[in-house]
Protein backbone atom coordinates (compact mmCIF):
# COMPACT_ATOMS: atom_id res chain seq x y z
CA UNK A 1 16.46 -60.02 -6.71
CA UNK A 2 17.46 -60.01 -10.13
CA UNK A 3 17.20 -56.88 -12.38
CA UNK A 4 13.55 -58.34 -13.93
CA UNK A 5 12.07 -58.92 -10.53
CA UNK A 6 12.80 -55.00 -9.40
CA UNK A 7 9.69 -53.19 -9.81
CA UNK A 8 11.06 -49.02 -10.61
CA UNK A 9 9.01 -46.64 -10.69
CA UNK A 10 7.58 -46.29 -14.20
CA UNK A 11 8.29 -42.96 -15.10
CA UNK A 12 8.85 -43.05 -18.43
CA UNK A 13 4.82 -44.31 -18.19
CA UNK A 14 3.37 -40.96 -18.52
CA UNK A 15 6.07 -39.80 -20.47
CA UNK A 16 3.96 -39.31 -23.69
CA UNK A 17 1.74 -37.01 -21.21
CA UNK A 18 5.22 -35.09 -20.00
CA UNK A 19 6.18 -34.37 -23.62
CA UNK A 20 2.86 -33.35 -24.73
CA UNK A 21 3.01 -30.78 -21.37
CA UNK A 22 6.40 -29.32 -22.76
CA UNK A 23 5.53 -29.06 -25.96
CA UNK A 24 2.48 -27.00 -25.40
CA UNK A 25 4.75 -24.96 -22.35
CA UNK A 26 7.05 -24.28 -25.24
CA UNK A 27 4.45 -23.09 -27.40
CA UNK A 28 3.22 -20.60 -25.52
CA UNK A 29 6.37 -19.53 -23.91
CA UNK A 30 7.30 -18.64 -27.86
CA UNK A 31 3.51 -16.89 -27.96
CA UNK A 32 3.91 -14.76 -25.47
CA UNK A 33 7.67 -13.99 -26.33
CA UNK A 34 5.98 -12.86 -29.63
CA UNK A 35 3.57 -10.85 -28.60
CA UNK A 36 3.95 -9.53 -25.19
CA UNK A 37 8.04 -9.13 -25.67
CA UNK A 38 10.46 -9.02 -22.38
CA UNK A 39 10.08 -5.90 -20.38
CA UNK A 40 13.71 -5.39 -20.31
CA UNK A 41 15.09 -3.47 -17.63
CA UNK A 42 17.71 -0.45 -17.87
CA UNK A 43 20.70 -2.53 -18.40
CA UNK A 44 18.90 -3.03 -22.07
CA UNK A 45 17.21 -0.20 -22.76
CA UNK A 46 19.21 2.46 -21.93
CA UNK A 47 18.64 5.49 -19.35
CA UNK A 48 19.15 6.26 -15.90
CA UNK A 49 19.49 5.22 -12.40
CA UNK A 50 19.39 7.36 -9.60
CA UNK A 51 20.15 6.01 -5.70
CA UNK A 52 19.08 7.99 -2.87
CA UNK A 53 18.80 7.29 0.68
CA UNK A 54 16.09 8.41 3.21
CA UNK A 55 16.23 9.10 6.64
CA UNK A 56 13.14 6.71 7.26
CA UNK A 57 11.74 4.39 5.00
CA UNK A 58 9.44 5.65 2.56
CA UNK A 59 6.28 4.27 1.15
CA UNK A 60 7.11 3.28 -2.62
CA UNK A 61 3.70 3.70 -3.97
CA UNK A 62 3.63 7.19 -2.54
CA UNK A 63 7.65 7.76 -4.68
CA UNK A 64 5.73 6.24 -7.69
CA UNK A 65 2.95 8.40 -7.34
CA UNK A 66 5.27 11.65 -6.72
CA UNK A 67 6.91 10.84 -10.12
CA UNK A 68 4.11 10.06 -12.12
CA UNK A 69 2.78 13.88 -10.92
CA UNK A 70 6.39 15.40 -12.01
CA UNK A 71 6.10 13.93 -15.45
CA UNK A 72 8.47 11.22 -15.11
CA UNK A 73 7.44 8.34 -17.43
CA UNK A 74 8.78 4.69 -17.92
CA UNK A 75 10.32 4.41 -14.43
CA UNK A 76 11.22 1.36 -11.83
CA UNK A 77 11.06 2.10 -7.65
CA UNK A 78 12.49 -0.26 -5.99
CA UNK A 79 14.40 -0.80 -2.23
CA UNK A 80 17.88 -1.41 -2.92
CA UNK A 81 20.09 -3.17 -0.06
CA UNK A 82 17.84 -2.11 2.63
CA UNK A 83 13.95 -0.09 3.40
CA UNK A 84 15.64 3.21 3.46
CA UNK A 85 17.77 3.05 0.87
CA UNK A 86 15.85 3.41 -2.70
CA UNK A 87 17.01 3.29 -6.29
CA UNK A 88 15.17 4.81 -9.26
CA UNK A 89 14.96 3.61 -12.71
CA UNK A 90 14.09 5.39 -15.74
CA UNK A 91 14.14 4.07 -18.92
CA UNK A 92 15.33 6.52 -22.12
CA UNK A 93 16.45 9.34 -19.72
CA UNK A 94 19.65 11.00 -20.55
CA UNK A 95 20.07 13.84 -18.49
CA UNK A 96 23.44 15.01 -16.51
CA UNK A 97 21.02 16.95 -14.26
CA UNK A 98 18.48 14.69 -14.42
CA UNK A 99 19.36 12.97 -10.93
CA UNK A 100 19.19 16.56 -9.25
CA UNK A 101 15.44 17.58 -10.32
CA UNK A 102 14.42 13.67 -9.10
CA UNK A 103 15.81 14.46 -5.38
CA UNK A 104 14.43 17.81 -5.56
CA UNK A 105 11.01 16.66 -6.62
CA UNK A 106 11.21 13.80 -3.91
CA UNK A 107 12.37 16.37 -1.14
CA UNK A 108 9.19 18.78 -2.02
CA UNK A 109 7.27 16.18 -0.43
CA UNK A 110 8.49 16.60 2.60
CA UNK A 111 11.02 13.67 3.14
CA UNK A 112 14.07 13.83 3.72
CA UNK A 113 16.47 12.20 1.52
CA UNK A 114 20.44 12.50 -0.04
CA UNK A 115 21.25 11.58 -3.09
CA UNK A 116 23.82 9.09 -2.79
CA UNK A 117 25.01 8.11 -6.71
CA UNK A 118 23.40 8.14 -9.94
CA UNK A 119 24.71 6.46 -13.22
CA UNK A 120 23.42 6.52 -16.90
CA UNK A 121 23.11 3.66 -19.74
CA UNK A 122 23.58 4.75 -23.28
CA UNK A 123 21.23 2.95 -25.92
CA UNK A 124 24.09 1.92 -27.42
CA UNK A 125 25.23 -0.10 -24.68
CA UNK A 126 21.93 -1.46 -24.20
CA UNK A 127 22.07 -3.19 -27.66
CA UNK A 128 25.47 -4.75 -27.46
CA UNK A 129 24.39 -6.22 -24.28
CA UNK A 130 21.54 -7.99 -25.41
CA UNK A 131 23.18 -9.51 -28.54
CA UNK A 132 26.18 -10.41 -26.11
CA UNK A 133 23.63 -12.21 -23.99
CA UNK A 134 22.14 -14.07 -26.46
CA UNK A 135 25.13 -15.10 -27.69
CA UNK A 136 26.58 -16.08 -24.42
CA UNK A 137 23.56 -18.31 -24.00
CA UNK A 138 24.21 -19.62 -26.99
CA UNK A 139 27.75 -20.76 -26.56
CA UNK A 140 26.46 -22.06 -23.41
CA UNK A 141 24.45 -24.67 -24.91
CA UNK A 142 26.84 -25.17 -27.93
CA UNK A 143 29.83 -25.76 -25.32
CA UNK A 144 27.31 -28.34 -22.95
CA UNK A 145 26.16 -30.05 -26.13
CA UNK A 146 30.30 -30.97 -26.52
CA UNK A 147 30.99 -31.92 -23.47
CA UNK A 148 28.34 -34.38 -22.78
CA UNK A 149 28.52 -35.66 -26.58
CA UNK A 150 32.25 -36.50 -26.09
CA UNK A 151 31.84 -37.53 -22.42
CA UNK A 152 29.29 -39.73 -23.05
CA UNK A 153 27.70 -40.40 -26.60
CA UNK A 154 26.23 -38.01 -29.26
CA UNK A 155 22.69 -39.15 -28.34
CA UNK A 156 23.50 -37.64 -24.84
CA UNK A 157 24.53 -34.35 -25.82
CA UNK A 158 21.31 -33.71 -27.94
CA UNK A 159 19.32 -35.26 -25.25
CA UNK A 160 20.86 -33.00 -22.74
CA UNK A 161 21.29 -29.34 -24.98
CA UNK A 162 17.31 -29.71 -25.68
CA UNK A 163 16.13 -29.57 -21.88
CA UNK A 164 18.16 -26.77 -21.01
CA UNK A 165 16.71 -24.92 -24.01
CA UNK A 166 12.97 -26.02 -23.19
CA UNK A 167 14.63 -24.65 -19.52
CA UNK A 168 15.30 -21.04 -20.72
CA UNK A 169 12.36 -20.87 -23.62
CA UNK A 170 9.82 -21.68 -20.13
CA UNK A 171 11.60 -19.35 -17.71
CA UNK A 172 11.46 -16.27 -20.77
CA UNK A 173 8.18 -17.07 -21.46
CA UNK A 174 6.77 -16.68 -17.95
CA UNK A 175 8.93 -13.42 -17.81
CA UNK A 176 6.99 -12.43 -20.70
CA UNK A 177 3.65 -13.15 -19.53
CA UNK A 178 3.45 -11.40 -16.24
CA UNK A 179 6.29 -8.45 -17.63
CA UNK A 180 8.47 -8.92 -14.86
CA UNK A 181 11.96 -6.94 -15.63
CA UNK A 182 14.50 -9.10 -17.45
CA UNK A 183 17.96 -7.63 -16.47
CA UNK A 184 21.29 -9.00 -16.13
CA UNK A 185 20.78 -10.54 -12.80
CA UNK A 186 17.66 -12.28 -14.35
CA UNK A 187 20.17 -13.24 -17.52
CA UNK A 188 22.57 -14.54 -14.92
CA UNK A 189 20.12 -16.97 -13.20
CA UNK A 190 19.77 -17.83 -16.57
CA UNK A 191 23.22 -18.86 -17.11
CA UNK A 192 22.83 -20.64 -13.35
CA UNK A 193 19.73 -22.45 -14.47
CA UNK A 194 22.13 -24.04 -17.41
CA UNK A 195 24.67 -25.31 -15.15
CA UNK A 196 21.86 -26.98 -12.39
CA UNK A 197 19.73 -28.29 -14.69
CA UNK A 198 23.00 -29.53 -16.44
CA UNK A 199 24.42 -31.46 -13.18
CA UNK A 200 21.09 -32.77 -12.74
CA UNK A 201 20.82 -34.43 -16.17
CA UNK A 202 24.47 -35.90 -16.04
CA UNK A 203 23.75 -37.42 -12.63
CA UNK A 204 20.89 -39.99 -14.52
CA UNK A 205 23.28 -39.83 -17.81
CA UNK A 206 25.83 -41.43 -15.87
CA UNK A 207 23.63 -43.85 -14.30
CA UNK A 208 22.10 -44.86 -17.08
CA UNK A 209 24.88 -45.34 -18.91
CA UNK A 210 26.59 -47.14 -15.93
CA UNK A 211 23.64 -49.55 -15.95
CA UNK A 212 23.14 -50.39 -19.41
CA UNK A 213 26.52 -51.55 -18.84
CA UNK A 214 25.87 -53.71 -16.18
CA UNK A 215 22.30 -55.12 -16.74
CA UNK A 216 22.20 -57.59 -19.13
CA UNK A 217 18.38 -57.93 -19.32
CA UNK A 218 15.35 -55.86 -19.53
CA UNK A 219 14.39 -52.91 -22.56
CA UNK A 220 15.81 -49.38 -22.77
CA UNK A 221 12.92 -48.22 -20.68
CA UNK A 222 13.32 -50.51 -17.97
CA UNK A 223 16.52 -49.08 -17.84
CA UNK A 224 16.19 -45.49 -17.75
CA UNK A 225 13.48 -46.54 -15.44
CA UNK A 226 15.67 -47.63 -12.77
CA UNK A 227 18.16 -45.65 -13.34
CA UNK A 228 15.88 -42.60 -12.59
CA UNK A 229 14.71 -44.54 -9.53
CA UNK A 230 18.06 -44.66 -8.31
CA UNK A 231 18.67 -41.13 -8.41
CA UNK A 232 15.55 -39.63 -7.99
CA UNK A 233 15.87 -39.19 -3.87
CA UNK A 234 19.58 -37.45 -4.44
CA UNK A 235 17.39 -35.26 -7.11
CA UNK A 236 14.59 -34.30 -4.71
CA UNK A 237 16.41 -33.74 -1.97
CA UNK A 238 18.97 -31.22 -3.62
CA UNK A 239 16.08 -29.45 -5.57
CA UNK A 240 14.34 -29.36 -2.35
CA UNK A 241 17.23 -27.49 -0.60
CA UNK A 242 18.17 -25.45 -2.71
CA UNK A 243 14.14 -23.95 -3.29
CA UNK A 244 13.76 -23.43 0.81
CA UNK A 245 17.43 -21.04 0.29
CA UNK A 246 15.53 -19.66 -2.70
CA UNK A 247 12.07 -18.92 -1.29
CA UNK A 248 14.02 -17.23 1.56
CA UNK A 249 15.74 -15.19 -1.05
CA UNK A 250 13.25 -14.24 -2.49
CA UNK A 251 11.11 -12.65 0.83
CA UNK A 252 14.11 -11.37 2.33
CA UNK A 253 16.36 -10.40 -0.11
CA UNK A 254 14.59 -7.59 -1.14
CA UNK A 255 13.26 -5.95 -4.23
CA UNK A 256 16.28 -5.66 -5.86
CA UNK A 257 16.53 -9.52 -6.36
CA UNK A 258 13.36 -10.47 -6.30
CA UNK A 259 13.23 -11.13 -9.98
CA UNK A 260 16.82 -13.08 -9.67
CA UNK A 261 14.94 -15.42 -7.04
CA UNK A 262 11.64 -15.83 -8.79
CA UNK A 263 13.99 -16.93 -12.10
CA UNK A 264 16.28 -19.36 -10.08
CA UNK A 265 13.04 -20.73 -8.57
CA UNK A 266 11.36 -21.49 -12.05
CA UNK A 267 14.34 -22.73 -12.98
CA UNK A 268 15.03 -25.25 -10.43
CA UNK A 269 11.42 -26.48 -10.71
CA UNK A 270 11.52 -26.99 -13.81
CA UNK A 271 14.98 -27.99 -14.44
CA UNK A 272 14.77 -30.84 -12.01
CA UNK A 273 11.44 -32.28 -14.27
CA UNK A 274 12.91 -31.75 -17.68
CA UNK A 275 16.70 -33.38 -16.00
CA UNK A 276 13.93 -36.56 -15.19
CA UNK A 277 11.05 -36.73 -18.03
CA UNK A 278 12.50 -34.21 -21.04
CA UNK A 279 16.44 -35.57 -21.47
CA UNK A 280 15.17 -39.42 -20.80
CA UNK A 281 12.02 -39.68 -22.78
CA UNK A 282 14.45 -38.16 -25.67
CA UNK A 283 16.86 -40.87 -24.93
CA UNK A 284 14.41 -43.64 -25.73
CA UNK A 285 13.29 -41.23 -28.81
CA UNK A 286 16.94 -41.71 -29.92
CA UNK A 287 17.00 -44.98 -29.47
CA UNK A 288 19.39 -44.68 -26.98
CA UNK A 289 20.55 -48.74 -26.47
CA UNK A 290 23.89 -51.11 -24.63
CA UNK A 291 25.61 -51.21 -28.28
CA UNK A 292 25.51 -46.89 -28.12
CA UNK A 293 27.60 -47.41 -24.61
CA UNK A 294 29.36 -50.57 -25.01
CA UNK A 295 33.05 -50.32 -24.20
CA UNK A 296 34.62 -50.99 -27.82
CA UNK A 297 37.94 -53.49 -27.68
CA UNK A 298 41.29 -52.02 -27.75
CA UNK A 299 42.78 -53.13 -31.47
CA UNK A 300 46.08 -54.29 -31.94
CA UNK A 301 46.51 -55.51 -27.87
CA UNK A 302 45.95 -58.91 -27.15
CA UNK A 303 43.46 -59.99 -24.80
CA UNK A 304 41.75 -56.68 -24.93
CA UNK A 305 38.62 -57.93 -26.34
CA UNK A 306 38.43 -60.05 -23.39
CA UNK A 307 39.09 -57.75 -20.75
CA UNK A 308 36.39 -54.95 -21.81
CA UNK A 309 33.66 -57.95 -21.73
CA UNK A 310 31.76 -57.67 -18.86
CA UNK A 311 32.83 -60.21 -15.64
CA UNK A 312 30.77 -64.15 -15.94
CA UNK A 313 29.03 -63.54 -12.92
CA UNK A 314 27.49 -60.39 -14.21
CA UNK A 315 26.51 -63.02 -17.21
CA UNK A 316 24.47 -65.26 -14.78
CA UNK A 317 22.16 -62.66 -13.50
């Protein structure tokens, strides 16, 4: 069966609807970030963390009520490691005796607990982390642009970086809407999402380049549809198995890594979508064609042009 007779799934047939949805999601995320902002964790705002070890698994809501009644504000209480270990984070709290006071106030309820450790993060350190994290994300996107531009073609580089920015903005927007705590673990998840989404995009881009050189008929939309059709099972299998692990991590890993897991879950879903629709749609919008991907003949080498041409049997397909 020739390439013309093949009928791959028409992924690009709904690319305009997908583009509208992506634009709305990005605009909504930007608005959420501007209006509500991120709920920055202790790593970025500065403050204190107190780790406590209870004899028996405590009720976290009871601990929160006790701290509120004692006059503490802007704090987070979560399990750390196991159900009997509790981590209390207090923003904008810089007091060497704070850990002792927290321990004393919680013991007053009758619970048996021990102070394991305490740490303080200054506001200056938090500001530096915010700057460094932003620069780190921008640097990662810049490196991706350079690599893909050199590995494939500049249009592919742009079509790879924009979906990554699309994924990161949507994740940040979801965190802004629900006011989930954004800390260094979530930042690490964002960088992991960039790598994961890029891997999917590279697989699709490599198949697109291969098919542009191999298929002698069909327009760009047909070639891209065929390329996505050939890689979709691999993409869905990879995303599905990754999601199973992340969902298990979210429900069984404890509250301390919930935000990390949920950021990755959102990133895998959005990244899979963007590698299929956003990246491929951008290639069509940029007018990618066979001429962009044909290997140029080597100058000054006798017979090079002939060697670089497709074999005769491909021309007859």
